[in-house]
Amino acid sequence: MYKKFRQAWPFLLPGLAGLLLFYFIPFVGGVWYSLTDGSFENKFVGLQNYTTVWQNQMFQLGLRNTMELSLICAPALFLLSFLLAAVLHRIRPAGAFFRSSVLMPYLMPSSAVLIIWLLWFDYGGPVNRLLTVLGGQRVDWLMGAELRLPVILLFLWKNLGFCVIVFLSALQAIPDVLYEYATLEGAGFRKQTFAITLPLVVPSAFLVLILSFVSAFRIFKEVFFIGGAYPEEPLYTLQNYMNNMYGKLNYQNVTTAAYIFAGMVFVLFGVLFLSQRQALRRLNGGD
């Protein structure tokens, strides 16, 4: 084991060096910026920046919108990807085409996808035309709070494929002989689901849930392309706030907001990790 690990070091070092240089060192070095006043003398001010940023109305707005969008997008992405993966797994090999095509939105450039989405949700676009055919009224989807729906749908459409592939890999890794043996023992669909499928899929499900939240936290790209640096209030995210502070060279506010959000993310992922352990313990009979 040690010999294999030693042989792998030359291949791991370039990636580890990149992580250290571009992620770990800046992350640790940014702590100093969050504790200083940003003046020429760069005086130490302790937690004053954290108090100031936390009381900032735009920061509060961005944080609230980011958490709301994440709590909508991540669970929806998780459930839809699991249901679609389960359907594709049941119809194999007939679903080979769908399994291949489901990744297309994930591979497409974001700018191209956004152009298509803007055309679809334009005031005179296909979505509003369909609404009028069904007897409804046209909606200005690209203005105000209504803009949230196109952004959420765009997020789900673009990120669904990758999560489906992860779930499919987990489902296909379960040996068919387990289900055959359970059927011979008289276990029904419900018993097989809770005794075989869920215990073996939980680790991958936890990975998909983490990836869903990470992707939801990065929804700023779609919002920025559609609404710009200062979008409507319902879409003003925390990344908008940090991007605007960075444009003003206010590194203190940028780093402070980043560390506040990072702390909240670590707490969230810690809760998810504990939930995964509890779920595994219950599915394994409390062992």
C-alpha atoms as a PDB file:
ATOM      1  CA  MET A   1       0.000   0.000   0.000  1.00  0.00           C
ATOM      2  CA  TYR A   2       2.785   2.404   0.970  1.00  0.00           C
ATOM      3  CA  LYS A   3       4.707   1.533  -2.199  1.00  0.00           C
ATOM      4  CA  LYS A   4       1.699   2.342  -4.402  1.00  0.00           C
ATOM      5  CA  PHE A   5       1.179   5.616  -2.559  1.00  0.00           C
ATOM      6  CA  ARG A   6       4.844   6.553  -3.039  1.00  0.00           C
ATOM      7  CA  GLN A   7       4.619   5.792  -6.749  1.00  0.00           C
ATOM      8  CA  ALA A   8       1.544   8.023  -7.062  1.00  0.00           C
ATOM      9  CA  TRP A   9       3.263  11.087  -5.546  1.00  0.00           C
ATOM     10  CA  PRO A  10       4.847  12.334  -8.826  1.00  0.00           C
ATOM     11  CA  PHE A  11       1.408  12.363 -10.424  1.00  0.00           C
ATOM     12  CA  LEU A  12      -0.249  14.056  -7.444  1.00  0.00           C
ATOM     13  CA  LEU A  13       2.327  16.803  -6.920  1.00  0.00           C
ATOM     14  CA  PRO A  14       1.350  19.060  -9.906  1.00  0.00           C
ATOM     15  CA  GLY A  15      -2.285  19.103  -8.815  1.00  0.00           C
ATOM     16  CA  LEU A  16      -1.401  19.591  -5.144  1.00  0.00           C
ATOM     17  CA  ALA A  17       1.006  22.414  -6.070  1.00  0.00           C
ATOM     18  CA  GLY A  18      -1.770  24.145  -8.012  1.00  0.00           C
ATOM     19  CA  LEU A  19      -4.199  23.795  -5.107  1.00  0.00           C
ATOM     20  CA  LEU A  20      -1.606  25.116  -2.675  1.00  0.00           C
ATOM     21  CA  LEU A  21      -0.564  28.060  -4.853  1.00  0.00           C
ATOM     22  CA  PHE A  22      -3.917  29.230  -6.179  1.00  0.00           C
ATOM     23  CA  TYR A  23      -6.341  28.199  -3.432  1.00  0.00           C
ATOM     24  CA  PHE A  24      -4.851  27.409  -0.016  1.00  0.00           C
ATOM     25  CA  ILE A  25      -2.275  30.219   0.219  1.00  0.00           C
ATOM     26  CA  PRO A  26      -4.671  32.970  -1.001  1.00  0.00           C
ATOM     27  CA  PHE A  27      -7.391  31.630   1.317  1.00  0.00           C
ATOM     28  CA  VAL A  28      -5.111  31.797   4.348  1.00  0.00           C
ATOM     29  CA  GLY A  29      -3.478  35.078   3.254  1.00  0.00           C
ATOM     30  CA  GLY A  30      -6.869  36.730   2.819  1.00  0.00           C
ATOM     31  CA  VAL A  31      -7.493  36.469   6.554  1.00  0.00           C
ATOM     32  CA  TRP A  32      -5.120  39.400   7.071  1.00  0.00           C
ATOM     33  CA  TYR A  33      -7.112  41.579   4.673  1.00  0.00           C
ATOM     34  CA  SER A  34     -10.311  40.846   6.572  1.00  0.00           C
ATOM     35  CA  LEU A  35      -8.700  42.027   9.823  1.00  0.00           C
ATOM     36  CA  THR A  36      -7.190  45.309   8.575  1.00  0.00           C
ATOM     37  CA  ASP A  37      -8.682  48.672   7.587  1.00  0.00           C
ATOM     38  CA  GLY A  38      -7.311  48.849   4.019  1.00  0.00           C
ATOM     39  CA  SER A  39      -5.547  52.167   4.581  1.00  0.00           C
ATOM     40  CA  PHE A  40      -1.977  52.972   3.562  1.00  0.00           C
ATOM     41  CA  GLU A  41      -0.752  51.823   6.965  1.00  0.00           C
ATOM     42  CA  ASN A  42      -3.100  48.789   6.852  1.00  0.00           C
ATOM     43  CA  LYS A  43      -3.914  48.944  10.567  1.00  0.00           C
ATOM     44  CA  PHE A  44      -5.224  45.935  12.423  1.00  0.00           C
ATOM     45  CA  VAL A  45      -8.898  46.428  13.347  1.00  0.00           C
ATOM     46  CA  GLY A  46      -9.842  42.963  14.552  1.00  0.00           C
ATOM     47  CA  LEU A  47     -13.428  41.926  13.850  1.00  0.00           C
ATOM     48  CA  GLN A  48     -14.623  45.421  12.943  1.00  0.00           C
ATOM     49  CA  ASN A  49     -14.874  44.533   9.236  1.00  0.00           C
ATOM     50  CA  TYR A  50     -17.022  41.520  10.055  1.00  0.00           C
ATOM     51  CA  THR A  51     -19.435  43.682  12.048  1.00  0.00           C
ATOM     52  CA  THR A  52     -19.581  46.315   9.297  1.00  0.00           C
ATOM     53  CA  VAL A  53     -20.157  43.820   6.490  1.00  0.00           C
ATOM     54  CA  TRP A  54     -22.739  41.854   8.460  1.00  0.00           C
ATOM     55  CA  GLN A  55     -24.759  45.044   9.019  1.00  0.00           C
ATOM     56  CA  ASN A  56     -24.507  46.094   5.366  1.00  0.00           C
ATOM     57  CA  GLN A  57     -27.951  45.970   3.731  1.00  0.00           C
ATOM     58  CA  MET A  58     -26.644  44.836   0.334  1.00  0.00           C
ATOM     59  CA  PHE A  59     -24.681  42.025   1.971  1.00  0.00           C
ATOM     60  CA  GLN A  60     -27.785  40.920   3.863  1.00  0.00           C
ATOM     61  CA  LEU A  61     -29.826  41.043   0.655  1.00  0.00           C
ATOM     62  CA  GLY A  62     -27.228  39.041  -1.279  1.00  0.00           C
ATOM     63  CA  LEU A  63     -26.844  36.468   1.491  1.00  0.00           C
ATOM     64  CA  ARG A  64     -30.599  36.030   1.847  1.00  0.00           C
ATOM     65  CA  ASN A  65     -31.138  35.616  -1.895  1.00  0.00           C
ATOM     66  CA  THR A  66     -28.201  33.225  -2.205  1.00  0.00           C
ATOM     67  CA  MET A  67     -29.515  30.995   0.568  1.00  0.00           C
ATOM     68  CA  GLU A  68     -33.074  31.101  -0.793  1.00  0.00           C
ATOM     69  CA  LEU A  69     -31.984  30.195  -4.321  1.00  0.00           C
ATOM     70  CA  SER A  70     -29.700  27.454  -2.988  1.00  0.00           C
ATOM     71  CA  LEU A  71     -32.434  25.926  -0.832  1.00  0.00           C
ATOM     72  CA  ILE A  72     -34.711  25.866  -3.882  1.00  0.00           C
ATOM     73  CA  CYS A  73     -32.220  24.758  -6.538  1.00  0.00           C
ATOM     74  CA  ALA A  74     -30.153  22.152  -4.683  1.00  0.00           C
ATOM     75  CA  PRO A  75     -32.997  19.929  -3.372  1.00  0.00           C
ATOM     76  CA  ALA A  76     -34.851  20.228  -6.702  1.00  0.00           C
ATOM     77  CA  LEU A  77     -31.712  19.210  -8.597  1.00  0.00           C
ATOM     78  CA  PHE A  78     -31.122  16.298  -6.214  1.00  0.00           C
ATOM     79  CA  LEU A  79     -34.664  14.900  -6.518  1.00  0.00           C
ATOM     80  CA  LEU A  80     -34.984  15.384 -10.282  1.00  0.00           C
ATOM     81  CA  SER A  81     -31.605  13.805 -10.988  1.00  0.00           C
ATOM     82  CA  PHE A  82     -32.403  10.771  -8.819  1.00  0.00           C
ATOM     83  CA  LEU A  83     -35.825  10.255 -10.435  1.00  0.00           C
ATOM     84  CA  LEU A  84     -34.416  10.623 -13.947  1.00  0.00           C
ATOM     85  CA  ALA A  85     -31.522   8.277 -13.153  1.00  0.00           C
ATOM     86  CA  ALA A  86     -33.941   5.700 -11.758  1.00  0.00           C
ATOM     87  CA  VAL A  87     -36.061   5.871 -14.926  1.00  0.00           C
ATOM     88  CA  LEU A  88     -33.042   5.582 -17.223  1.00  0.00           C
ATOM     89  CA  HIS A  89     -31.745   2.677 -15.161  1.00  0.00           C
ATOM     90  CA  ARG A  90     -35.061   0.834 -15.474  1.00  0.00           C
ATOM     91  CA  ILE A  91     -35.303   1.225 -19.269  1.00  0.00           C
ATOM     92  CA  ARG A  92     -31.771   0.161 -20.128  1.00  0.00           C
ATOM     93  CA  PRO A  93     -30.494  -0.518 -22.758  1.00  0.00           C
ATOM     94  CA  ALA A  94     -33.286   1.381 -24.530  1.00  0.00           C
ATOM     95  CA  GLY A  95     -32.266   4.548 -22.649  1.00  0.00           C
ATOM     96  CA  ALA A  96     -28.702   4.634 -24.019  1.00  0.00           C
ATOM     97  CA  PHE A  97     -29.479   7.637 -26.224  1.00  0.00           C
ATOM     98  CA  PHE A  98     -30.982   9.591 -23.323  1.00  0.00           C
ATOM     99  CA  ARG A  99     -28.069   8.711 -21.047  1.00  0.00           C
ATOM    100  CA  SER A 100     -25.694  10.197 -23.619  1.00  0.00           C
ATOM    101  CA  SER A 101     -27.751  13.268 -24.453  1.00  0.00           C
ATOM    102  CA  VAL A 102     -28.497  14.227 -20.846  1.00  0.00           C
ATOM    103  CA  LEU A 103     -24.974  15.647 -20.532  1.00  0.00           C
ATOM    104  CA  MET A 104     -25.300  17.983 -23.518  1.00  0.00           C
ATOM    105  CA  PRO A 105     -26.535  21.038 -21.529  1.00  0.00           C
ATOM    106  CA  TYR A 106     -23.661  20.563 -19.048  1.00  0.00           C
ATOM    107  CA  LEU A 107     -21.111  20.592 -21.883  1.00  0.00           C
ATOM    108  CA  MET A 108     -22.573  23.573 -23.749  1.00  0.00           C
ATOM    109  CA  PRO A 109     -20.987  27.035 -23.214  1.00  0.00           C
ATOM    110  CA  SER A 110     -22.941  29.121 -20.719  1.00  0.00           C
ATOM    111  CA  SER A 111     -23.152  32.092 -23.095  1.00  0.00           C
ATOM    112  CA  ALA A 112     -24.808  29.990 -25.802  1.00  0.00           C
ATOM    113  CA  VAL A 113     -27.255  28.488 -23.327  1.00  0.00           C
ATOM    114  CA  LEU A 114     -28.162  31.928 -21.978  1.00  0.00           C
ATOM    115  CA  ILE A 115     -28.900  33.282 -25.458  1.00  0.00           C
ATOM    116  CA  ILE A 116     -31.289  30.387 -26.072  1.00  0.00           C
ATOM    117  CA  TRP A 117     -32.890  30.904 -22.663  1.00  0.00           C
ATOM    118  CA  LEU A 118     -33.366  34.643 -23.227  1.00  0.00           C
ATOM    119  CA  LEU A 119     -35.069  33.943 -26.537  1.00  0.00           C
ATOM    120  CA  TRP A 120     -37.371  31.366 -24.968  1.00  0.00           C
ATOM    121  CA  PHE A 121     -38.445  33.626 -22.101  1.00  0.00           C
ATOM    122  CA  ASP A 122     -38.610  36.850 -24.101  1.00  0.00           C
ATOM    123  CA  TYR A 123     -41.895  38.772 -23.889  1.00  0.00           C
ATOM    124  CA  GLY A 124     -42.724  37.555 -27.398  1.00  0.00           C
ATOM    125  CA  GLY A 125     -40.973  34.210 -27.012  1.00  0.00           C
ATOM    126  CA  PRO A 126     -42.317  30.648 -27.143  1.00  0.00           C
ATOM    127  CA  VAL A 127     -43.106  30.459 -23.400  1.00  0.00           C
ATOM    128  CA  ASN A 128     -45.381  33.514 -23.479  1.00  0.00           C
ATOM    129  CA  ARG A 129     -46.958  32.367 -26.742  1.00  0.00           C
ATOM    130  CA  LEU A 130     -47.791  29.053 -25.106  1.00  0.00           C
ATOM    131  CA  LEU A 131     -49.340  30.906 -22.167  1.00  0.00           C
ATOM    132  CA  THR A 132     -51.576  32.925 -24.479  1.00  0.00           C
ATOM    133  CA  VAL A 133     -52.642  29.760 -26.327  1.00  0.00           C
ATOM    134  CA  LEU A 134     -53.640  28.233 -22.987  1.00  0.00           C
ATOM    135  CA  GLY A 135     -55.690  31.337 -22.159  1.00  0.00           C
ATOM    136  CA  GLY A 136     -53.198  33.005 -19.823  1.00  0.00           C
ATOM    137  CA  GLN A 137     -51.542  36.412 -19.857  1.00  0.00           C
ATOM    138  CA  ARG A 138     -48.030  37.157 -21.034  1.00  0.00           C
ATOM    139  CA  VAL A 139     -45.434  37.576 -18.308  1.00  0.00           C
ATOM    140  CA  ASP A 140     -42.312  39.699 -18.462  1.00  0.00           C
ATOM    141  CA  TRP A 141     -40.038  36.876 -17.301  1.00  0.00           C
ATOM    142  CA  LEU A 142     -36.859  38.941 -17.600  1.00  0.00           C
ATOM    143  CA  MET A 143     -37.882  41.641 -15.120  1.00  0.00           C
ATOM    144  CA  GLY A 144     -38.377  41.723 -11.356  1.00  0.00           C
ATOM    145  CA  ALA A 145     -39.157  38.691  -9.231  1.00  0.00           C
ATOM    146  CA  GLU A 146     -40.360  36.727 -12.288  1.00  0.00           C
ATOM    147  CA  LEU A 147     -36.731  36.470 -13.415  1.00  0.00           C
ATOM    148  CA  ARG A 148     -36.122  33.913 -10.672  1.00  0.00           C
ATOM    149  CA  LEU A 149     -38.052  31.200 -12.504  1.00  0.00           C
ATOM    150  CA  PRO A 150     -35.977  31.314 -15.738  1.00  0.00           C
ATOM    151  CA  VAL A 151     -32.770  31.362 -13.683  1.00  0.00           C
ATOM    152  CA  ILE A 152     -33.848  28.358 -11.585  1.00  0.00           C
ATOM    153  CA  LEU A 153     -34.973  26.406 -14.657  1.00  0.00           C
ATOM    154  CA  LEU A 154     -31.724  27.261 -16.435  1.00  0.00           C
ATOM    155  CA  PHE A 155     -29.727  26.048 -13.431  1.00  0.00           C
ATOM    156  CA  LEU A 156     -31.653  22.760 -13.292  1.00  0.00           C
ATOM    157  CA  TRP A 157     -31.439  22.161 -17.033  1.00  0.00           C
ATOM    158  CA  LYS A 158     -27.697  22.822 -17.184  1.00  0.00           C
ATOM    159  CA  ASN A 159     -26.634  20.872 -14.086  1.00  0.00           C
ATOM    160  CA  LEU A 160     -29.075  17.959 -14.212  1.00  0.00           C
ATOM    161  CA  GLY A 161     -26.996  15.781 -16.534  1.00  0.00           C
ATOM    162  CA  PHE A 162     -23.883  15.502 -14.361  1.00  0.00           C
ATOM    163  CA  CYS A 163     -25.868  14.544 -11.256  1.00  0.00           C
ATOM    164  CA  VAL A 164     -27.854  11.984 -13.265  1.00  0.00           C
ATOM    165  CA  ILE A 165     -24.606  10.342 -14.414  1.00  0.00           C
ATOM    166  CA  VAL A 166     -23.375  10.077 -10.802  1.00  0.00           C
ATOM    167  CA  PHE A 167     -26.646   8.475  -9.689  1.00  0.00           C
ATOM    168  CA  LEU A 168     -26.658   6.151 -12.704  1.00  0.00           C
ATOM    169  CA  SER A 169     -23.141   4.968 -11.894  1.00  0.00           C
ATOM    170  CA  ALA A 170     -24.222   4.180  -8.336  1.00  0.00           C
ATOM    171  CA  LEU A 171     -27.345   2.331  -9.463  1.00  0.00           C
ATOM    172  CA  GLN A 172     -25.507   0.323 -12.125  1.00  0.00           C
ATOM    173  CA  ALA A 173     -22.826  -0.663  -9.598  1.00  0.00           C
ATOM    174  CA  ILE A 174     -25.413  -2.586  -7.557  1.00  0.00           C
ATOM    175  CA  PRO A 175     -25.187  -6.285  -8.572  1.00  0.00           C
ATOM    176  CA  ASP A 176     -28.404  -7.607 -10.118  1.00  0.00           C
ATOM    177  CA  VAL A 177     -27.900 -10.844  -8.200  1.00  0.00           C
ATOM    178  CA  LEU A 178     -28.855  -9.013  -4.984  1.00  0.00           C
ATOM    179  CA  TYR A 179     -32.270  -8.123  -6.372  1.00  0.00           C
ATOM    180  CA  GLU A 180     -32.718 -11.649  -7.765  1.00  0.00           C
ATOM    181  CA  TYR A 181     -31.896 -13.199  -4.398  1.00  0.00           C
ATOM    182  CA  ALA A 182     -34.221 -10.763  -2.622  1.00  0.00           C
ATOM    183  CA  THR A 183     -37.028 -11.619  -5.052  1.00  0.00           C
ATOM    184  CA  LEU A 184     -36.556 -15.329  -4.388  1.00  0.00           C
ATOM    185  CA  GLU A 185     -36.782 -14.613  -0.656  1.00  0.00           C
ATOM    186  CA  GLY A 186     -40.116 -12.871  -1.215  1.00  0.00           C
ATOM    187  CA  ALA A 187     -38.945  -9.259  -0.811  1.00  0.00           C
ATOM    188  CA  GLY A 188     -41.108  -6.761  -2.674  1.00  0.00           C
ATOM    189  CA  PHE A 189     -40.131  -3.508  -4.375  1.00  0.00           C
ATOM    190  CA  ARG A 190     -40.379  -1.476  -1.162  1.00  0.00           C
ATOM    191  CA  LYS A 191     -38.252  -3.926   0.830  1.00  0.00           C
ATOM    192  CA  GLN A 192     -35.634  -4.093  -1.933  1.00  0.00           C
ATOM    193  CA  THR A 193     -35.499  -0.303  -2.139  1.00  0.00           C
ATOM    194  CA  PHE A 194     -34.879   0.218   1.584  1.00  0.00           C
ATOM    195  CA  ALA A 195     -32.705  -2.865   2.144  1.00  0.00           C
ATOM    196  CA  ILE A 196     -30.567  -2.836  -1.007  1.00  0.00           C
ATOM    197  CA  THR A 197     -30.832   0.298  -3.141  1.00  0.00           C
ATOM    198  CA  LEU A 198     -30.768   3.071  -0.544  1.00  0.00           C
ATOM    199  CA  PRO A 199     -27.884   1.730   1.615  1.00  0.00           C
ATOM    200  CA  LEU A 200     -25.708   1.288  -1.476  1.00  0.00           C
ATOM    201  CA  VAL A 201     -26.685   4.630  -3.045  1.00  0.00           C
ATOM    202  CA  VAL A 202     -26.380   6.836   0.053  1.00  0.00           C
ATOM    203  CA  PRO A 203     -22.644   7.664  -0.426  1.00  0.00           C
ATOM    204  CA  SER A 204     -23.249   8.740  -4.029  1.00  0.00           C
ATOM    205  CA  ALA A 205     -26.421  10.569  -2.991  1.00  0.00           C
ATOM    206  CA  PHE A 206     -24.402  12.513  -0.433  1.00  0.00           C
ATOM    207  CA  LEU A 207     -21.894  13.431  -3.155  1.00  0.00           C
ATOM    208  CA  VAL A 208     -24.699  14.589  -5.457  1.00  0.00           C
ATOM    209  CA  LEU A 209     -26.232  16.678  -2.670  1.00  0.00           C
ATOM    210  CA  ILE A 210     -22.889  18.367  -1.985  1.00  0.00           C
ATOM    211  CA  LEU A 211     -22.360  19.019  -5.700  1.00  0.00           C
ATOM    212  CA  SER A 212     -25.900  20.389  -5.953  1.00  0.00           C
ATOM    213  CA  PHE A 213     -25.275  22.932  -3.203  1.00  0.00           C
ATOM    214  CA  VAL A 214     -21.866  23.860  -4.615  1.00  0.00           C
ATOM    215  CA  SER A 215     -23.413  24.443  -8.034  1.00  0.00           C
ATOM    216  CA  ALA A 216     -26.276  26.423  -6.470  1.00  0.00           C
ATOM    217  CA  PHE A 217     -23.804  28.663  -4.647  1.00  0.00           C
ATOM    218  CA  ARG A 218     -22.211  29.401  -8.045  1.00  0.00           C
ATOM    219  CA  ILE A 219     -25.469  30.512  -9.666  1.00  0.00           C
ATOM    220  CA  PHE A 220     -23.982  34.029  -9.914  1.00  0.00           C
ATOM    221  CA  LYS A 221     -22.752  33.381 -13.464  1.00  0.00           C
ATOM    222  CA  GLU A 222     -26.263  32.974 -14.844  1.00  0.00           C
ATOM    223  CA  VAL A 223     -27.536  35.925 -12.822  1.00  0.00           C
ATOM    224  CA  PHE A 224     -24.673  38.144 -13.976  1.00  0.00           C
ATOM    225  CA  PHE A 225     -25.162  37.346 -17.662  1.00  0.00           C
ATOM    226  CA  ILE A 226     -28.898  38.082 -17.468  1.00  0.00           C
ATOM    227  CA  GLY A 227     -29.087  40.914 -14.927  1.00  0.00           C
ATOM    228  CA  GLY A 228     -25.588  42.402 -14.945  1.00  0.00           C
ATOM    229  CA  ALA A 229     -23.599  43.558 -11.911  1.00  0.00           C
ATOM    230  CA  TYR A 230     -26.670  45.163 -10.318  1.00  0.00           C
ATOM    231  CA  PRO A 231     -29.662  42.916 -11.097  1.00  0.00           C
ATOM    232  CA  GLU A 232     -33.169  43.234  -9.676  1.00  0.00           C
ATOM    233  CA  GLU A 233     -33.321  42.827  -5.891  1.00  0.00           C
ATOM    234  CA  PRO A 234     -34.828  39.294  -5.997  1.00  0.00           C
ATOM    235  CA  LEU A 235     -31.729  38.131  -7.917  1.00  0.00           C
ATOM    236  CA  TYR A 236     -28.999  40.135  -6.195  1.00  0.00           C
ATOM    237  CA  THR A 237     -26.724  37.396  -4.830  1.00  0.00           C
ATOM    238  CA  LEU A 238     -23.798  37.426  -2.441  1.00  0.00           C
ATOM    239  CA  GLN A 239     -21.440  36.973  -5.391  1.00  0.00           C
ATOM    240  CA  ASN A 240     -22.834  40.196  -6.876  1.00  0.00           C
ATOM    241  CA  TYR A 241     -21.901  41.989  -3.678  1.00  0.00           C
ATOM    242  CA  MET A 242     -18.388  40.544  -3.615  1.00  0.00           C
ATOM    243  CA  ASN A 243     -17.853  41.190  -7.323  1.00  0.00           C
ATOM    244  CA  ASN A 244     -18.892  44.841  -6.908  1.00  0.00           C
ATOM    245  CA  MET A 245     -16.664  45.293  -3.865  1.00  0.00           C
ATOM    246  CA  TYR A 246     -13.773  43.782  -5.795  1.00  0.00           C
ATOM    247  CA  GLY A 247     -14.404  46.241  -8.649  1.00  0.00           C
ATOM    248  CA  LYS A 248     -14.094  49.049  -6.109  1.00  0.00           C
ATOM    249  CA  LEU A 249     -10.816  47.524  -4.820  1.00  0.00           C
ATOM    250  CA  ASN A 250     -12.402  47.068  -1.400  1.00  0.00           C
ATOM    251  CA  TYR A 251     -10.510  43.869  -0.619  1.00  0.00           C
ATOM    252  CA  GLN A 252     -11.435  44.052   3.060  1.00  0.00           C
ATOM    253  CA  ASN A 253     -15.152  43.709   2.342  1.00  0.00           C
ATOM    254  CA  VAL A 254     -14.546  41.032  -0.303  1.00  0.00           C
ATOM    255  CA  THR A 255     -12.495  38.793   1.975  1.00  0.00           C
ATOM    256  CA  THR A 256     -14.714  39.417   4.991  1.00  0.00           C
ATOM    257  CA  ALA A 257     -17.873  38.483   3.067  1.00  0.00           C
ATOM    258  CA  ALA A 258     -16.105  35.434   1.634  1.00  0.00           C
ATOM    259  CA  TYR A 259     -15.061  34.146   5.074  1.00  0.00           C
ATOM    260  CA  ILE A 260     -18.514  34.727   6.557  1.00  0.00           C
ATOM    261  CA  PHE A 261     -20.059  32.755   3.725  1.00  0.00           C
ATOM    262  CA  ALA A 262     -17.344  30.066   3.912  1.00  0.00           C
ATOM    263  CA  GLY A 263     -18.086  29.587   7.615  1.00  0.00           C
ATOM    264  CA  MET A 264     -21.785  29.141   6.884  1.00  0.00           C
ATOM    265  CA  VAL A 265     -21.003  26.662   4.085  1.00  0.00           C
ATOM    266  CA  PHE A 266     -18.740  24.611   6.367  1.00  0.00           C
ATOM    267  CA  VAL A 267     -21.518  24.435   8.964  1.00  0.00           C
ATOM    268  CA  LEU A 268     -24.028  23.370   6.293  1.00  0.00           C
ATOM    269  CA  PHE A 269     -21.734  20.659   4.946  1.00  0.00           C
ATOM    270  CA  GLY A 270     -21.043  19.478   8.492  1.00  0.00           C
ATOM    271  CA  VAL A 271     -24.800  19.067   9.062  1.00  0.00           C
ATOM    272  CA  LEU A 272     -25.109  17.177   5.769  1.00  0.00           C
ATOM    273  CA  PHE A 273     -22.207  14.902   6.720  1.00  0.00           C
ATOM    274  CA  LEU A 274     -23.778  14.080  10.088  1.00  0.00           C
ATOM    275  CA  SER A 275     -27.107  13.468   8.356  1.00  0.00           C
ATOM    276  CA  GLN A 276     -25.412  11.035   5.991  1.00  0.00           C
ATOM    277  CA  ARG A 277     -23.900   9.106   8.886  1.00  0.00           C
ATOM    278  CA  GLN A 278     -27.263   8.953  10.650  1.00  0.00           C
ATOM    279  CA  ALA A 279     -28.969   7.755   7.462  1.00  0.00           C
ATOM    280  CA  LEU A 280     -26.374   5.020   6.927  1.00  0.00           C
ATOM    281  CA  ARG A 281     -26.696   3.925  10.557  1.00  0.00           C
ATOM    282  CA  ARG A 282     -30.477   3.629  10.298  1.00  0.00           C
ATOM    283  CA  LEU A 283     -30.376   1.817   6.961  1.00  0.00           C
ATOM    284  CA  ASN A 284     -27.832  -0.644   8.375  1.00  0.00           C
ATOM    285  CA  GLY A 285     -30.037  -1.441  11.317  1.00  0.00           C
ATOM    286  CA  GLY A 286     -28.400   0.886  13.822  1.00  0.00           C
ATOM    287  CA  ASP A 287     -24.941  -0.732  13.670  1.00  0.00           C
END
